[in-house]
């Protein structure tokens, strides 16, 4: 069986500020709006604690970068036999 595991990334497509909430939603397979509401309620409940957690996650969590099509096609061209 392949060694596949999930990684947490900041979302590029569904972001409001930095893509943290959408990335967490993608990781847990839930609606991003639910995570955003939890962050807002948590911010008011904990004061600035969740704000600083969000800022740290903006720095630590990498942004999702999909494989570029030109890189994939370049690898395919290299693998194809050369015509002489």
Protein backbone atom coordinates (compact mmCIF):
# COMPACT_ATOMS: atom_id res chain seq x y z
CA UNK A 1 0.00 0.00 0.00
CA UNK A 2 1.27 3.47 -0.83
CA UNK A 3 2.52 5.66 1.96
CA UNK A 4 -0.01 8.47 1.60
CA UNK A 5 -0.70 10.95 4.35
CA UNK A 6 -2.48 14.26 4.59
CA UNK A 7 -0.59 17.50 4.89
CA UNK A 8 -1.89 20.82 6.12
CA UNK A 9 -1.54 23.62 3.58
CA UNK A 10 -2.87 27.16 3.34
CA UNK A 11 -5.56 27.32 0.67
CA UNK A 12 -4.92 29.31 -2.49
CA UNK A 13 -8.40 29.07 -4.03
CA UNK A 14 -10.73 29.57 -1.07
CA UNK A 15 -8.99 32.16 1.07
CA UNK A 16 -10.33 35.18 2.92
CA UNK A 17 -7.19 36.45 4.65
CA UNK A 18 -4.33 33.95 4.46
CA UNK A 19 -6.07 30.67 3.65
CA UNK A 20 -5.58 29.15 7.11
CA UNK A 21 -9.24 28.38 7.83
CA UNK A 22 -9.85 26.99 4.34
CA UNK A 23 -6.72 24.85 4.64
CA UNK A 24 -7.89 23.44 7.97
CA UNK A 25 -11.32 22.79 6.42
CA UNK A 26 -9.71 20.93 3.51
CA UNK A 27 -7.62 18.88 5.93
CA UNK A 28 -10.64 17.80 8.02
CA UNK A 29 -13.04 17.73 5.02
CA UNK A 30 -15.55 20.21 6.45
CA UNK A 31 -17.04 23.48 5.23
CA UNK A 32 -14.59 26.43 5.50
CA UNK A 33 -17.38 28.67 6.83
CA UNK A 34 -17.67 26.43 9.90
CA UNK A 35 -13.95 26.78 10.64
CA UNK A 36 -14.10 30.54 10.09
CA UNK A 37 -17.00 30.86 12.53
CA UNK A 38 -15.12 28.76 15.08
CA UNK A 39 -12.11 31.06 14.74
CA UNK A 40 -14.26 34.18 15.23
CA UNK A 41 -16.06 32.76 18.27
CA UNK A 42 -12.77 31.48 19.65
CA UNK A 43 -11.18 34.88 19.20
CA UNK A 44 -13.85 36.53 21.33
CA UNK A 45 -13.75 33.70 23.88
CA UNK A 46 -9.97 33.61 24.33
CA UNK A 47 -9.10 37.23 23.72
CA UNK A 48 -6.03 37.57 21.57
CA UNK A 49 -4.80 33.98 22.02
CA UNK A 50 -6.42 32.66 18.85
CA UNK A 51 -5.27 35.74 16.93
CA UNK A 52 -1.65 34.93 17.72
CA UNK A 53 -2.22 31.28 16.83
CA UNK A 54 -3.54 32.42 13.44
CA UNK A 55 -0.52 34.67 12.89
CA UNK A 56 1.88 31.84 13.77
CA UNK A 57 0.04 29.48 11.42
CA UNK A 58 0.34 32.09 8.63
CA UNK A 59 4.12 31.89 9.06
CA UNK A 60 4.52 28.15 9.69
CA UNK A 61 1.93 26.46 7.43
CA UNK A 62 3.11 26.35 3.80
CA UNK A 63 0.94 27.54 0.93
CA UNK A 64 -0.42 24.85 -1.38
CA UNK A 65 1.43 24.87 -4.70
CA UNK A 66 -0.05 22.55 -7.33
CA UNK A 67 2.27 20.91 -9.83
CA UNK A 68 2.72 23.15 -12.82
CA UNK A 69 1.58 21.72 -16.13
CA UNK A 70 4.75 22.79 -17.92
CA UNK A 71 6.89 20.82 -15.46
CA UNK A 72 4.77 17.71 -16.01
CA UNK A 73 4.89 18.04 -19.80
CA UNK A 74 8.67 18.62 -19.72
CA UNK A 75 9.14 15.33 -17.85
CA UNK A 76 6.95 13.52 -20.39
CA UNK A 77 8.97 14.94 -23.30
CA UNK A 78 12.23 13.80 -21.69
CA UNK A 79 10.88 10.27 -21.23
CA UNK A 80 9.72 9.97 -24.85
CA UNK A 81 12.13 8.28 -27.27
CA UNK A 82 14.00 10.69 -29.54
CA UNK A 83 13.40 10.56 -33.30
CA UNK A 84 16.46 10.68 -35.54
